[in-house]
């Protein structure tokens, strides 16, 4: 499984985020997240999940 799929899977398994349409784009381990969330807390959680995913650069 590549980095993009790891991030997508983790986001879809998170109850507070799975209802949002978040696009995940990865280039050489750099992850870009594109989407609209309801709060800064959700943004922070999304970033935390992406950074913790296998293969993502921190």
C-alpha atoms as a PDB file:
ATOM      1  CA  UNK A   1       0.000   0.000   0.000  1.00  0.00           C
ATOM      2  CA  UNK A   2       1.421   3.418  -0.904  1.00  0.00           C
ATOM      3  CA  UNK A   3       1.461   6.579   1.206  1.00  0.00           C
ATOM      4  CA  UNK A   4      -1.680   8.011  -0.396  1.00  0.00           C
ATOM      5  CA  UNK A   5      -3.681   4.876   0.374  1.00  0.00           C
ATOM      6  CA  UNK A   6      -2.359   4.766   3.951  1.00  0.00           C
ATOM      7  CA  UNK A   7      -3.528   8.345   4.551  1.00  0.00           C
ATOM      8  CA  UNK A   8      -6.907   7.826   2.847  1.00  0.00           C
ATOM      9  CA  UNK A   9      -7.551   4.657   4.838  1.00  0.00           C
ATOM     10  CA  UNK A  10      -6.635   6.322   8.128  1.00  0.00           C
ATOM     11  CA  UNK A  11      -8.884   9.318   7.386  1.00  0.00           C
ATOM     12  CA  UNK A  12     -11.835   7.100   6.442  1.00  0.00           C
ATOM     13  CA  UNK A  13     -11.418   5.114   9.668  1.00  0.00           C
ATOM     14  CA  UNK A  14     -11.626   8.266  11.790  1.00  0.00           C
ATOM     15  CA  UNK A  15     -15.251   8.891  12.793  1.00  0.00           C
ATOM     16  CA  UNK A  16     -14.925  12.672  12.970  1.00  0.00           C
ATOM     17  CA  UNK A  17     -13.372  12.907   9.481  1.00  0.00           C
ATOM     18  CA  UNK A  18     -14.872  10.130   7.356  1.00  0.00           C
ATOM     19  CA  UNK A  19     -17.828  12.248   6.192  1.00  0.00           C
ATOM     20  CA  UNK A  20     -15.548  14.816   4.560  1.00  0.00           C
ATOM     21  CA  UNK A  21     -14.235  14.694   1.001  1.00  0.00           C
ATOM     22  CA  UNK A  22     -10.489  15.083   1.540  1.00  0.00           C
ATOM     23  CA  UNK A  23      -8.265  14.609  -1.492  1.00  0.00           C
ATOM     24  CA  UNK A  24      -4.840  13.146  -0.754  1.00  0.00           C
ATOM     25  CA  UNK A  25      -1.985  13.746  -3.205  1.00  0.00           C
ATOM     26  CA  UNK A  26       1.513  12.415  -2.558  1.00  0.00           C
ATOM     27  CA  UNK A  27       4.750  13.168  -4.411  1.00  0.00           C
ATOM     28  CA  UNK A  28       7.975  11.563  -3.151  1.00  0.00           C
ATOM     29  CA  UNK A  29       6.583  11.235   0.368  1.00  0.00           C
ATOM     30  CA  UNK A  30       5.258  14.803   0.542  1.00  0.00           C
ATOM     31  CA  UNK A  31       1.536  14.623   1.293  1.00  0.00           C
ATOM     32  CA  UNK A  32      -0.918  17.330   0.206  1.00  0.00           C
ATOM     33  CA  UNK A  33      -4.400  17.380   1.702  1.00  0.00           C
ATOM     34  CA  UNK A  34      -7.164  19.234  -0.124  1.00  0.00           C
ATOM     35  CA  UNK A  35     -10.638  19.717   1.292  1.00  0.00           C
ATOM     36  CA  UNK A  36     -12.928  21.760   3.498  1.00  0.00           C
ATOM     37  CA  UNK A  37     -13.404  20.897   7.172  1.00  0.00           C
ATOM     38  CA  UNK A  38     -15.598  22.445   9.858  1.00  0.00           C
ATOM     39  CA  UNK A  39     -13.032  23.364  12.503  1.00  0.00           C
ATOM     40  CA  UNK A  40      -9.378  23.925  13.259  1.00  0.00           C
ATOM     41  CA  UNK A  41      -9.470  20.840  15.487  1.00  0.00           C
ATOM     42  CA  UNK A  42     -10.448  18.712  12.471  1.00  0.00           C
ATOM     43  CA  UNK A  43      -7.666  20.277  10.405  1.00  0.00           C
ATOM     44  CA  UNK A  44      -5.151  19.531  13.161  1.00  0.00           C
ATOM     45  CA  UNK A  45      -6.380  15.936  13.444  1.00  0.00           C
ATOM     46  CA  UNK A  46      -6.138  15.446   9.670  1.00  0.00           C
ATOM     47  CA  UNK A  47      -2.553  16.723   9.617  1.00  0.00           C
ATOM     48  CA  UNK A  48      -1.621  14.521  12.584  1.00  0.00           C
ATOM     49  CA  UNK A  49      -3.011  11.448  10.816  1.00  0.00           C
ATOM     50  CA  UNK A  50      -1.182  12.261   7.570  1.00  0.00           C
ATOM     51  CA  UNK A  51       2.135  12.796   9.365  1.00  0.00           C
ATOM     52  CA  UNK A  52       1.778   9.492  11.216  1.00  0.00           C
ATOM     53  CA  UNK A  53       1.136   7.494   8.030  1.00  0.00           C
ATOM     54  CA  UNK A  54       3.791   5.076   6.784  1.00  0.00           C
ATOM     55  CA  UNK A  55       6.053   6.684   4.187  1.00  0.00           C
ATOM     56  CA  UNK A  56       4.998  10.289   4.781  1.00  0.00           C
ATOM     57  CA  UNK A  57       7.718  12.873   5.397  1.00  0.00           C
ATOM     58  CA  UNK A  58       7.458  14.801   8.665  1.00  0.00           C
END
